[in-house]
């Protein structure tokens, strides 16, 4: 989790850095055609679009279009700004009073009230609802009763720390001081839900009803989701177009080809194979900008083979066998930067980024790699298999390059092989079902620009995105202390100490910091990527 009371210290610390990296293109296209629809590349989400059950990029794109929460992250700076929150007050950073703005409704006409938030949060936290993001409610009092971590049955259906005190007011009591809690509330898991979600859940899942600038019109899995502008949307960020057709592609090279052929308007994942051509192909209709994304290799610590006393040395050796510089130069045409820590440069030094923290373990050294792997007991089974989804992100190219680097470093052409999974949804299902037997792709796109978000969701015991099930008491303790700390430098320092524990155990192998990229047709203007590398769809104009 994360938090802020006194002005949102961590978000403010990185706002300047993000403002420097956020980019847009296409110039000012004038008013555009407010009724025109654009088409964009997309991939099927893993789960139905329940806000508390979506923790991956493709589903998150849609939730950002159809929902608005108490906070919203500025599309340029990333700063957490009030959206539906009239005010969030606290005197002790543990007890909060939330006032919801009047005049907001869901697209079905139902009023957005304090109850809309409290009901949604209770649903998301409940063990029986099996929501992937339930962990985000873990600091609210009563979570241990609605979602016991010891495998026992829940003894309550609602969080005791949530109380509706008026039509537009509710209180939140946390189990501990959490100074930046308000700034986490722009994450989709905290979105409000209409009564229709609970009254006819199956119908809602088929056609979600939210309170954002777009409506879900139709969705055919494996083909397309059509979103259309909600004319009565009450927010200030009204859509500048008539809607977005999100077209499913299982190969981003095909999407890029369709863009060049005039069959697609927007690609927000330019394939690696086209990076050397993209400027000639698109000219100023292409942008590449730093984003809060890091690519890593995670490990299945639930498999004893990766949880032995010498396993950390094996992981460190594998890390040193990867020539990050060569891969980012040749595969990605320098649109990625070799990682030297487990966060992102967009945080800046004041926000906790530690350039060089990984030290020698992120530097290519074939001799040292072989030595460490041998000292750690060798590769489990004599080889490693890297699992990845083959439908998006040019993952096949870089996984092959990583394996080639490892094989060359270890003088063993069979030491590493790639294991492609056809679709992102299938890949994620295998991960959540704990079917990984070796390292797997684990890219992370920040939910909000805090160092906490790069560490706690991924490495804290039983955290929502801790897919490898790594666990370390020292790390957990440092994160708990950091979350309680209200002084900015002290809190960031504690998080940095926690990151050192990640380093010492090589809980995951950091590969590179990823830029956001996009290419678009000449029908579009005002194309921008936010600091999360997601297109700001509602501001795109269509001629």
Protein backbone atom coordinates (compact mmCIF):
# COMPACT_ATOMS: atom_id res chain seq x y z
CA UNK A 1 0.00 0.00 0.00
CA UNK A 2 1.02 3.63 0.20
CA UNK A 3 -0.24 6.88 1.64
CA UNK A 4 0.03 10.59 2.39
CA UNK A 5 -1.70 13.04 4.56
CA UNK A 6 0.43 16.10 4.69
CA UNK A 7 0.27 17.08 1.04
CA UNK A 8 1.24 13.73 -0.45
CA UNK A 9 4.98 13.87 0.14
CA UNK A 10 6.04 11.03 -2.12
CA UNK A 11 3.97 12.05 -5.13
CA UNK A 12 5.11 15.64 -4.85
CA UNK A 13 8.70 14.44 -4.75
CA UNK A 14 8.43 12.89 -8.19
CA UNK A 15 6.06 15.31 -9.91
CA UNK A 16 8.89 17.35 -11.40
CA UNK A 17 10.68 14.26 -12.70
CA UNK A 18 7.53 12.93 -14.29
CA UNK A 19 6.67 16.26 -15.83
CA UNK A 20 10.03 16.17 -17.54
CA UNK A 21 9.37 12.77 -19.07
CA UNK A 22 5.71 12.89 -20.01
CA UNK A 23 5.41 13.42 -23.75
CA UNK A 24 2.82 14.02 -26.38
CA UNK A 25 2.67 14.26 -30.11
CA UNK A 26 0.62 15.23 -33.06
CA UNK A 27 0.32 18.90 -32.22
CA UNK A 28 -2.96 20.68 -31.70
CA UNK A 29 -5.52 19.11 -33.93
CA UNK A 30 -8.10 21.81 -33.27
CA UNK A 31 -11.51 20.66 -32.16
CA UNK A 32 -11.49 17.42 -34.14
CA UNK A 33 -14.66 15.46 -34.75
CA UNK A 34 -16.21 14.89 -31.33
CA UNK A 35 -18.24 12.00 -32.71
CA UNK A 36 -15.44 10.17 -34.51
CA UNK A 37 -14.21 6.84 -33.17
CA UNK A 38 -10.57 5.77 -33.15
CA UNK A 39 -9.24 2.21 -33.21
CA UNK A 40 -6.36 1.05 -31.02
CA UNK A 41 -4.42 -2.16 -30.42
CA UNK A 42 -5.19 -4.11 -27.25
CA UNK A 43 -5.02 -7.52 -25.60
CA UNK A 44 -7.75 -9.42 -23.75
CA UNK A 45 -7.56 -8.86 -19.98
CA UNK A 46 -6.97 -11.81 -17.71
CA UNK A 47 -10.14 -11.36 -15.65
CA UNK A 48 -13.55 -9.69 -15.93
CA UNK A 49 -13.29 -5.94 -15.44
CA UNK A 50 -14.02 -5.80 -11.72
CA UNK A 51 -11.83 -2.98 -10.36
CA UNK A 52 -10.57 -5.05 -7.41
CA UNK A 53 -9.83 -8.03 -9.65
CA UNK A 54 -7.73 -6.34 -12.33
CA UNK A 55 -4.00 -5.98 -11.73
CA UNK A 56 -2.64 -6.12 -15.28
CA UNK A 57 -2.16 -3.53 -17.99
CA UNK A 58 -4.78 -4.48 -20.58
CA UNK A 59 -7.68 -4.56 -18.13
CA UNK A 60 -6.31 -1.48 -16.41
CA UNK A 61 -6.53 0.51 -19.65
CA UNK A 62 -10.28 -0.06 -19.79
CA UNK A 63 -10.85 0.64 -16.10
CA UNK A 64 -9.08 3.99 -16.56
CA UNK A 65 -11.62 4.81 -19.26
CA UNK A 66 -14.83 3.72 -17.55
CA UNK A 67 -14.14 4.64 -13.91
CA UNK A 68 -13.15 7.65 -11.86
CA UNK A 69 -12.14 7.37 -8.19
CA UNK A 70 -11.50 9.67 -5.27
CA UNK A 71 -8.12 10.59 -6.73
CA UNK A 72 -6.77 10.67 -10.28
CA UNK A 73 -3.14 10.67 -11.33
CA UNK A 74 -2.30 13.67 -13.47
CA UNK A 75 -1.63 12.47 -17.04
CA UNK A 76 1.46 14.68 -17.25
CA UNK A 77 3.02 14.79 -13.78
CA UNK A 78 1.56 11.66 -12.18
CA UNK A 79 0.57 13.69 -9.13
CA UNK A 80 -2.44 12.37 -7.19
CA UNK A 81 -5.15 15.02 -7.51
CA UNK A 82 -8.67 15.08 -6.12
CA UNK A 83 -11.27 13.70 -8.52
CA UNK A 84 -14.41 12.58 -6.69
CA UNK A 85 -12.85 13.54 -3.38
CA UNK A 86 -14.08 16.90 -2.14
CA UNK A 87 -11.59 16.51 0.70
CA UNK A 88 -9.77 13.83 2.68
CA UNK A 89 -8.98 14.90 6.23
CA UNK A 90 -6.91 13.42 9.03
CA UNK A 91 -5.24 14.57 12.21
CA UNK A 92 -3.19 11.46 12.89
CA UNK A 93 -2.55 9.72 9.52
CA UNK A 94 -4.55 6.72 10.74
CA UNK A 95 -8.14 7.96 10.88
CA UNK A 96 -9.47 9.64 7.73
CA UNK A 97 -12.72 11.40 6.89
CA UNK A 98 -13.62 11.35 3.20
CA UNK A 99 -16.09 13.74 1.63
CA UNK A 100 -17.33 12.78 -1.85
CA UNK A 101 -18.17 15.50 -4.38
CA UNK A 102 -21.84 16.00 -5.08
CA UNK A 103 -23.27 15.73 -8.60
CA UNK A 104 -21.52 12.55 -9.76
CA UNK A 105 -23.51 9.62 -11.14
CA UNK A 106 -22.82 6.28 -12.75
CA UNK A 107 -23.69 5.97 -16.42
CA UNK A 108 -26.97 4.21 -15.50
CA UNK A 109 -28.10 7.33 -13.65
CA UNK A 110 -27.43 6.07 -10.12
CA UNK A 111 -25.87 8.64 -7.82
CA UNK A 112 -22.29 8.09 -6.64
CA UNK A 113 -22.36 8.25 -2.85
CA UNK A 114 -20.17 7.33 0.09
CA UNK A 115 -21.94 3.97 0.12
CA UNK A 116 -20.76 3.37 -3.47
CA UNK A 117 -17.17 3.42 -2.22
CA UNK A 118 -17.70 1.54 1.02
CA UNK A 119 -19.64 -1.27 -0.68
CA UNK A 120 -16.98 -1.57 -3.39
CA UNK A 121 -14.11 -1.70 -0.90
CA UNK A 122 -15.88 -4.27 1.27
CA UNK A 123 -16.48 -6.42 -1.81
CA UNK A 124 -12.86 -6.11 -2.89
CA UNK A 125 -11.52 -7.04 0.53
CA UNK A 126 -13.74 -10.07 1.14
CA UNK A 127 -12.04 -13.46 0.87
CA UNK A 128 -15.11 -15.11 -0.60
CA UNK A 129 -15.01 -12.79 -3.62
CA UNK A 130 -11.44 -13.86 -4.48
CA UNK A 131 -10.34 -10.49 -5.83
CA UNK A 132 -6.75 -10.18 -7.03
CA UNK A 133 -6.39 -6.71 -5.50
CA UNK A 134 -7.86 -7.55 -2.10
CA UNK A 135 -4.44 -6.91 -0.58
CA UNK A 136 -4.77 -3.18 -1.26
CA UNK A 137 -7.39 -2.99 1.50
CA UNK A 138 -5.07 -4.73 3.98
CA UNK A 139 -4.36 -1.66 6.09
CA UNK A 140 -8.03 -0.96 6.80
CA UNK A 141 -9.13 -2.15 10.23
CA UNK A 142 -10.99 -5.45 10.10
CA UNK A 143 -9.20 -6.86 7.07
CA UNK A 144 -7.99 -9.80 9.13
CA UNK A 145 -11.63 -10.74 9.76
CA UNK A 146 -12.88 -10.43 6.16
CA UNK A 147 -9.73 -11.86 4.60
CA UNK A 148 -7.77 -14.00 7.08
CA UNK A 149 -4.31 -14.83 5.77
CA UNK A 150 -4.01 -18.11 7.70
CA UNK A 151 -6.47 -19.98 5.49
CA UNK A 152 -9.30 -19.90 8.01
CA UNK A 153 -12.85 -18.83 7.15
CA UNK A 154 -13.70 -15.17 7.23
CA UNK A 155 -15.67 -14.10 10.29
CA UNK A 156 -17.00 -10.80 8.95
CA UNK A 157 -18.36 -9.56 5.63
CA UNK A 158 -17.46 -5.89 6.04
CA UNK A 159 -14.41 -3.96 7.14
CA UNK A 160 -14.88 -2.56 10.64
CA UNK A 161 -12.68 0.37 9.68
CA UNK A 162 -15.18 1.66 7.11
CA UNK A 163 -18.18 3.66 8.30
CA UNK A 164 -20.71 5.61 6.21
CA UNK A 165 -21.49 8.79 8.12
CA UNK A 166 -23.58 10.62 5.56
CA UNK A 167 -24.78 10.50 1.98
CA UNK A 168 -21.41 11.87 0.83
CA UNK A 169 -19.14 11.16 3.79
CA UNK A 170 -17.42 8.10 5.21
CA UNK A 171 -14.57 7.39 7.60
CA UNK A 172 -11.60 5.07 7.22
CA UNK A 173 -9.68 3.69 10.18
CA UNK A 174 -6.37 2.01 9.45
CA UNK A 175 -4.53 -0.51 11.60
CA UNK A 176 -1.48 1.75 11.73
CA UNK A 177 -0.26 5.16 10.71
CA UNK A 178 -0.08 5.32 6.91
CA UNK A 179 0.95 8.80 5.93
CA UNK A 180 0.38 8.60 2.18
CA UNK A 181 -2.86 6.60 2.18
CA UNK A 182 -4.88 9.26 0.30
CA UNK A 183 -2.48 9.23 -2.63
CA UNK A 184 -3.09 5.52 -3.20
CA UNK A 185 -6.79 6.12 -3.80
CA UNK A 186 -6.36 6.85 -7.50
CA UNK A 187 -5.64 3.17 -8.08
CA UNK A 188 -8.48 1.34 -9.81
CA UNK A 189 -9.02 -1.10 -6.94
CA UNK A 190 -10.52 1.80 -4.96
CA UNK A 191 -13.10 2.75 -7.62
CA UNK A 192 -16.77 3.06 -6.59
CA UNK A 193 -19.35 0.52 -7.75
CA UNK A 194 -23.05 0.96 -8.55
CA UNK A 195 -25.80 -1.11 -6.95
CA UNK A 196 -26.20 -2.87 -10.31
CA UNK A 197 -22.86 -4.57 -9.67
CA UNK A 198 -24.31 -6.33 -6.65
CA UNK A 199 -27.94 -6.72 -7.79
CA UNK A 200 -27.12 -8.54 -11.04
CA UNK A 201 -23.43 -9.28 -11.00
CA UNK A 202 -23.42 -11.56 -14.04
CA UNK A 203 -25.09 -8.91 -16.16
CA UNK A 204 -22.68 -6.24 -14.92
CA UNK A 205 -19.64 -8.37 -15.76
CA UNK A 206 -20.91 -8.82 -19.32
CA UNK A 207 -21.39 -5.08 -19.71
CA UNK A 208 -19.69 -3.07 -16.95
CA UNK A 209 -21.30 0.14 -15.72
CA UNK A 210 -18.94 2.78 -14.38
CA UNK A 211 -18.71 6.53 -13.84
CA UNK A 212 -15.93 7.47 -16.27
CA UNK A 213 -16.00 9.32 -19.61
CA UNK A 214 -16.60 6.13 -21.63
CA UNK A 215 -19.24 3.38 -21.72
CA UNK A 216 -18.68 -0.24 -22.68
CA UNK A 217 -20.82 -0.76 -25.77
CA UNK A 218 -19.86 -4.29 -26.84
CA UNK A 219 -17.13 -6.81 -26.11
CA UNK A 220 -16.26 -9.97 -27.98
CA UNK A 221 -13.38 -11.75 -26.32
CA UNK A 222 -10.51 -12.35 -28.72
CA UNK A 223 -11.83 -9.72 -31.10
CA UNK A 224 -12.77 -6.24 -29.89
CA UNK A 225 -14.13 -4.07 -27.10
CA UNK A 226 -16.07 -1.04 -28.30
CA UNK A 227 -16.21 1.93 -25.93
CA UNK A 228 -18.31 4.99 -26.63
CA UNK A 229 -18.31 8.46 -25.11
CA UNK A 230 -20.77 9.02 -22.25
CA UNK A 231 -22.45 12.28 -23.19
CA UNK A 232 -23.62 13.03 -19.63
CA UNK A 233 -20.25 12.47 -17.99
CA UNK A 234 -19.99 15.10 -15.22
CA UNK A 235 -16.19 15.34 -15.00
CA UNK A 236 -13.91 18.03 -16.36
CA UNK A 237 -11.96 15.52 -18.46
CA UNK A 238 -14.67 14.82 -21.02
CA UNK A 239 -13.68 12.71 -24.01
CA UNK A 240 -12.56 14.68 -27.08
CA UNK A 241 -13.66 11.87 -29.41
CA UNK A 242 -16.68 9.66 -29.96
CA UNK A 243 -15.16 6.47 -28.61
CA UNK A 244 -12.41 3.89 -28.89
CA UNK A 245 -12.51 0.46 -30.52
CA UNK A 246 -9.93 -1.66 -28.72
CA UNK A 247 -8.92 -4.37 -31.18
CA UNK A 248 -7.34 -7.56 -29.88
CA UNK A 249 -4.00 -8.52 -31.43
CA UNK A 250 -1.99 -11.59 -30.55
CA UNK A 251 1.03 -10.22 -32.40
CA UNK A 252 2.07 -6.58 -32.13
CA UNK A 253 3.85 -6.82 -35.47
CA UNK A 254 0.46 -7.42 -37.08
CA UNK A 255 -0.91 -4.39 -35.26
CA UNK A 256 1.94 -2.26 -36.56
CA UNK A 257 1.38 -3.52 -40.11
CA UNK A 258 -2.32 -2.64 -39.81
CA UNK A 259 -1.37 0.85 -38.64
CA UNK A 260 0.80 1.40 -41.71
CA UNK A 261 -1.94 0.01 -43.97
CA UNK A 262 -4.53 2.40 -42.56
CA UNK A 263 -6.52 -0.32 -40.79
CA UNK A 264 -5.67 0.87 -37.27
CA UNK A 265 -5.29 4.30 -35.70
CA UNK A 266 -3.14 3.74 -32.63
CA UNK A 267 -0.47 1.28 -31.51
CA UNK A 268 0.87 1.78 -28.00
CA UNK A 269 3.44 -1.02 -28.18
CA UNK A 270 5.72 -0.54 -31.17
CA UNK A 271 7.33 -3.96 -31.77
CA UNK A 272 11.07 -4.27 -31.29
CA UNK A 273 11.55 -5.47 -34.86
CA UNK A 274 10.13 -2.17 -36.16
CA UNK A 275 12.03 0.26 -33.95
CA UNK A 276 14.74 0.74 -36.55
CA UNK A 277 12.10 1.72 -39.12
CA UNK A 278 9.51 3.56 -37.07
CA UNK A 279 10.79 7.11 -37.51
CA UNK A 280 10.93 6.69 -41.27
CA UNK A 281 7.51 5.02 -41.29
CA UNK A 282 5.69 7.50 -39.06
CA UNK A 283 7.80 10.62 -38.70
CA UNK A 284 6.30 12.86 -36.01
CA UNK A 285 3.44 10.39 -35.51
CA UNK A 286 5.65 8.38 -33.16
CA UNK A 287 6.73 9.01 -29.60
CA UNK A 288 8.98 7.22 -27.16
CA UNK A 289 9.13 8.44 -23.59
CA UNK A 290 10.36 7.17 -20.21
CA UNK A 291 7.70 5.56 -18.08
CA UNK A 292 7.32 3.97 -14.69
CA UNK A 293 7.95 0.45 -15.98
CA UNK A 294 10.63 -2.10 -15.18
CA UNK A 295 11.12 -5.51 -16.79
CA UNK A 296 12.30 -8.29 -14.51
CA UNK A 297 12.61 -12.04 -14.30
CA UNK A 298 10.70 -13.48 -11.34
CA UNK A 299 11.21 -16.89 -9.77
CA UNK A 300 8.81 -19.51 -8.36
CA UNK A 301 9.92 -19.60 -4.73
CA UNK A 302 7.11 -22.09 -4.07
CA UNK A 303 9.31 -24.55 -6.00
CA UNK A 304 11.97 -25.92 -3.62
CA UNK A 305 14.51 -25.91 -6.44
CA UNK A 306 14.59 -22.08 -6.26
CA UNK A 307 14.39 -21.83 -2.48
CA UNK A 308 17.59 -23.59 -1.43
CA UNK A 309 20.37 -22.03 0.65
CA UNK A 310 22.53 -21.42 -2.41
CA UNK A 311 19.74 -20.28 -4.74
CA UNK A 312 20.50 -16.58 -4.31
CA UNK A 313 23.97 -17.13 -5.80
CA UNK A 314 22.42 -18.99 -8.75
CA UNK A 315 20.07 -16.08 -9.38
CA UNK A 316 22.92 -13.59 -9.03
CA UNK A 317 24.97 -15.62 -11.48
CA UNK A 318 22.14 -15.70 -14.00
CA UNK A 319 21.81 -11.94 -13.66
CA UNK A 320 25.50 -11.48 -14.41
CA UNK A 321 25.18 -13.75 -17.46
CA UNK A 322 22.77 -11.30 -19.12
CA UNK A 323 24.34 -8.63 -21.31
CA UNK A 324 21.73 -5.92 -20.78
CA UNK A 325 23.59 -3.27 -22.74
CA UNK A 326 23.85 -5.35 -25.88
CA UNK A 327 20.20 -6.43 -25.71
CA UNK A 328 18.82 -2.93 -25.16
CA UNK A 329 21.01 -1.58 -27.97
CA UNK A 330 20.34 -4.26 -30.59
CA UNK A 331 16.86 -5.58 -29.80
CA UNK A 332 15.31 -2.35 -28.52
CA UNK A 333 17.38 0.23 -30.43
CA UNK A 334 18.21 1.99 -27.15
CA UNK A 335 14.56 2.51 -26.25
CA UNK A 336 15.23 0.61 -23.00
CA UNK A 337 17.83 1.37 -20.33
CA UNK A 338 19.69 -1.39 -18.47
CA UNK A 339 18.31 -1.60 -14.94
CA UNK A 340 20.55 -0.98 -11.96
CA UNK A 341 17.88 -1.21 -9.26
CA UNK A 342 14.33 -2.54 -8.79
CA UNK A 343 12.34 0.72 -9.17
CA UNK A 344 12.37 3.32 -11.97
CA UNK A 345 14.36 6.46 -12.80
CA UNK A 346 11.09 8.40 -13.12
CA UNK A 347 10.98 8.47 -9.31
CA UNK A 348 14.16 10.51 -9.23
CA UNK A 349 16.67 10.41 -6.39
CA UNK A 350 14.35 12.34 -4.10
CA UNK A 351 11.65 9.76 -4.72
CA UNK A 352 13.87 6.79 -3.87
CA UNK A 353 15.50 5.70 -7.13
CA UNK A 354 18.95 4.24 -6.38
CA UNK A 355 21.05 4.23 -9.52
CA UNK A 356 23.63 1.46 -9.26
CA UNK A 357 22.10 -0.32 -6.26
CA UNK A 358 22.36 -3.69 -8.00
CA UNK A 359 26.09 -3.17 -8.39
CA UNK A 360 28.15 -5.90 -10.02
CA UNK A 361 25.20 -8.30 -10.05
CA UNK A 362 23.63 -6.33 -12.91
CA UNK A 363 26.88 -6.08 -14.86
CA UNK A 364 27.74 -8.67 -17.50
CA UNK A 365 30.60 -10.90 -16.37
CA UNK A 366 30.67 -14.41 -17.81
CA UNK A 367 33.42 -15.73 -15.56
CA UNK A 368 31.80 -14.46 -12.38
CA UNK A 369 28.42 -15.75 -13.55
CA UNK A 370 29.75 -19.27 -13.95
CA UNK A 371 31.50 -19.09 -10.59
CA UNK A 372 28.40 -17.95 -8.68
CA UNK A 373 26.12 -20.52 -10.30
CA UNK A 374 28.59 -23.28 -9.47
CA UNK A 375 28.93 -22.07 -5.86
CA UNK A 376 25.13 -22.01 -5.56
CA UNK A 377 24.82 -25.66 -6.56
CA UNK A 378 24.26 -25.23 -10.28
CA UNK A 379 21.14 -24.60 -12.33
CA UNK A 380 18.15 -26.64 -11.07
CA UNK A 381 17.95 -29.66 -13.34
CA UNK A 382 20.96 -28.35 -15.24
CA UNK A 383 19.05 -25.69 -17.17
CA UNK A 384 16.55 -22.83 -16.93
CA UNK A 385 13.42 -22.18 -18.95
CA UNK A 386 12.07 -18.62 -19.17
CA UNK A 387 8.29 -18.50 -19.59
CA UNK A 388 6.67 -15.51 -21.28
CA UNK A 389 3.57 -14.50 -23.22
CA UNK A 390 4.19 -14.38 -26.96
CA UNK A 391 1.30 -12.14 -28.05
CA UNK A 392 2.51 -8.68 -27.00
CA UNK A 393 5.61 -6.73 -26.08
CA UNK A 394 8.21 -8.30 -28.41
CA UNK A 395 8.93 -10.73 -25.61
CA UNK A 396 10.03 -13.56 -27.88
CA UNK A 397 12.91 -11.49 -29.26
CA UNK A 398 14.31 -10.39 -25.94
CA UNK A 399 13.80 -13.73 -24.17
CA UNK A 400 15.71 -15.42 -26.99
CA UNK A 401 18.43 -12.79 -26.64
CA UNK A 402 18.60 -13.27 -22.85
CA UNK A 403 18.89 -17.03 -23.29
CA UNK A 404 21.58 -16.63 -25.94
CA UNK A 405 23.51 -14.39 -23.58
CA UNK A 406 23.21 -16.90 -20.72
CA UNK A 407 24.17 -19.81 -22.99
CA UNK A 408 27.22 -17.99 -24.30
CA UNK A 409 28.30 -16.90 -20.83
CA UNK A 410 27.99 -20.43 -19.46
CA UNK A 411 29.46 -22.10 -22.57
CA UNK A 412 26.36 -24.28 -22.77
CA UNK A 413 23.96 -23.85 -25.68
CA UNK A 414 21.24 -25.71 -23.77
CA UNK A 415 21.52 -23.87 -20.45
CA UNK A 416 18.57 -21.58 -21.21
CA UNK A 417 15.50 -21.85 -23.44
CA UNK A 418 12.35 -19.78 -23.85
CA UNK A 419 8.88 -21.12 -23.16
CA UNK A 420 6.26 -19.08 -25.04
CA UNK A 421 2.62 -19.03 -23.91
CA UNK A 422 0.19 -18.03 -26.64
CA UNK A 423 -1.78 -15.29 -24.91
CA UNK A 424 -1.28 -12.90 -22.04
CA UNK A 425 -4.43 -14.17 -20.30
CA UNK A 426 -3.23 -17.79 -20.42
CA UNK A 427 0.21 -16.73 -19.24
CA UNK A 428 -1.25 -14.88 -16.26
CA UNK A 429 -3.49 -17.82 -15.42
CA UNK A 430 -0.52 -20.15 -15.29
CA UNK A 431 1.28 -17.72 -12.99
CA UNK A 432 -1.62 -17.26 -10.58
CA UNK A 433 -2.12 -21.03 -10.49
CA UNK A 434 1.56 -21.36 -9.48
CA UNK A 435 2.50 -23.51 -12.46
CA UNK A 436 5.89 -21.89 -13.08
CA UNK A 437 8.92 -24.16 -12.68
CA UNK A 438 11.56 -21.61 -13.61
CA UNK A 439 12.03 -17.86 -14.18
CA UNK A 440 9.22 -15.99 -15.88
CA UNK A 441 8.62 -12.54 -17.33
CA UNK A 442 7.43 -10.12 -14.66
CA UNK A 443 7.23 -6.61 -16.03
CA UNK A 444 5.84 -4.05 -13.59
CA UNK A 445 3.98 -0.90 -14.50
CA UNK A 446 3.57 1.37 -11.50
CA UNK A 447 0.08 1.88 -10.10
CA UNK A 448 1.12 5.24 -8.67
CA UNK A 449 4.48 7.03 -8.54
CA UNK A 450 5.79 5.96 -5.12
CA UNK A 451 8.84 3.81 -4.34
CA UNK A 452 6.51 1.77 -2.13
CA UNK A 453 4.58 0.65 -5.21
CA UNK A 454 7.69 -0.85 -6.80
CA UNK A 455 8.45 -2.89 -3.70
CA UNK A 456 5.51 -3.84 -1.51
CA UNK A 457 3.05 -5.28 -4.06
CA UNK A 458 5.83 -7.37 -5.61
CA UNK A 459 7.92 -8.61 -2.70
CA UNK A 460 5.95 -8.29 0.54
CA UNK A 461 4.78 -11.65 1.91
CA UNK A 462 1.51 -12.68 0.18
CA UNK A 463 1.22 -9.31 -1.57
CA UNK A 464 -1.18 -8.95 -4.49
CA UNK A 465 1.47 -9.17 -7.22
CA UNK A 466 4.04 -11.29 -5.42
CA UNK A 467 3.60 -14.00 -8.04
CA UNK A 468 6.74 -15.89 -7.07
CA UNK A 469 5.73 -16.01 -3.38
CA UNK A 470 9.07 -14.68 -2.14
CA UNK A 471 9.02 -13.92 1.58
CA UNK A 472 11.48 -12.22 3.89
CA UNK A 473 10.75 -11.02 7.44
CA UNK A 474 13.40 -8.29 7.35
CA UNK A 475 11.98 -6.86 4.13
CA UNK A 476 8.41 -6.95 5.51
CA UNK A 477 9.49 -5.23 8.72
CA UNK A 478 11.25 -2.40 6.90
CA UNK A 479 8.22 -1.82 4.65
CA UNK A 480 5.92 -1.71 7.69
CA UNK A 481 8.17 0.86 9.35
CA UNK A 482 8.36 2.94 6.17
CA UNK A 483 4.57 3.01 5.83
CA UNK A 484 4.22 4.29 9.40
CA UNK A 485 6.82 7.01 8.91
CA UNK A 486 5.41 10.49 8.21
CA UNK A 487 8.78 12.13 7.53
CA UNK A 488 9.56 11.93 3.81
CA UNK A 489 13.33 11.33 3.84
CA UNK A 490 13.08 8.79 6.66
CA UNK A 491 10.29 6.85 4.93
CA UNK A 492 12.14 6.74 1.62
CA UNK A 493 15.31 5.68 3.42
CA UNK A 494 13.49 2.73 4.99
CA UNK A 495 12.08 1.68 1.63
CA UNK A 496 15.60 1.87 0.19
CA UNK A 497 16.83 -0.40 2.97
CA UNK A 498 14.06 -2.83 2.08
CA UNK A 499 15.20 -2.73 -1.54
CA UNK A 500 18.68 -3.71 -0.40
CA UNK A 501 17.16 -6.89 1.04
CA UNK A 502 15.67 -7.59 -2.39
CA UNK A 503 19.11 -7.08 -3.89
CA UNK A 504 20.94 -9.28 -1.41
CA UNK A 505 18.53 -12.14 -2.11
CA UNK A 506 18.11 -11.38 -5.84
CA UNK A 507 14.37 -11.82 -5.27
CA UNK A 508 13.97 -10.98 -8.97
CA UNK A 509 16.44 -10.16 -11.72
CA UNK A 510 16.07 -6.55 -12.92
CA UNK A 511 16.56 -6.33 -16.67
CA UNK A 512 15.77 -2.84 -18.00
CA UNK A 513 13.68 0.26 -17.52
CA UNK A 514 11.10 0.48 -20.24
CA UNK A 515 9.92 3.47 -22.20
CA UNK A 516 6.39 3.94 -23.39
CA UNK A 517 6.01 4.08 -27.17
CA UNK A 518 3.16 4.83 -29.51
CA UNK A 519 2.52 5.29 -33.21
CA UNK A 520 -0.64 6.64 -34.78
CA UNK A 521 -2.42 7.39 -38.02
CA UNK A 522 -2.78 10.82 -39.60
CA UNK A 523 -6.43 10.85 -38.43
CA UNK A 524 -5.27 11.49 -34.85
CA UNK A 525 -3.80 14.43 -33.00
CA UNK A 526 -3.03 15.27 -29.36
CA UNK A 527 -1.75 11.75 -28.72
CA UNK A 528 -0.02 11.47 -25.36
CA UNK A 529 1.17 8.75 -23.02
CA UNK A 530 0.78 9.24 -19.30
CA UNK A 531 3.63 8.39 -16.89
CA UNK A 532 2.26 4.84 -16.75
CA UNK A 533 2.81 4.54 -20.55
CA UNK A 534 -0.94 4.32 -21.22
CA UNK A 535 -2.48 6.50 -23.96
CA UNK A 536 -4.59 9.35 -22.64
CA UNK A 537 -7.48 8.14 -24.78
CA UNK A 538 -10.01 10.76 -23.71
CA UNK A 539 -7.81 13.63 -24.95
CA UNK A 540 -7.10 12.19 -28.41
CA UNK A 541 -8.75 14.09 -31.24
CA UNK A 542 -9.93 12.43 -34.45
CA UNK A 543 -10.26 14.23 -37.77
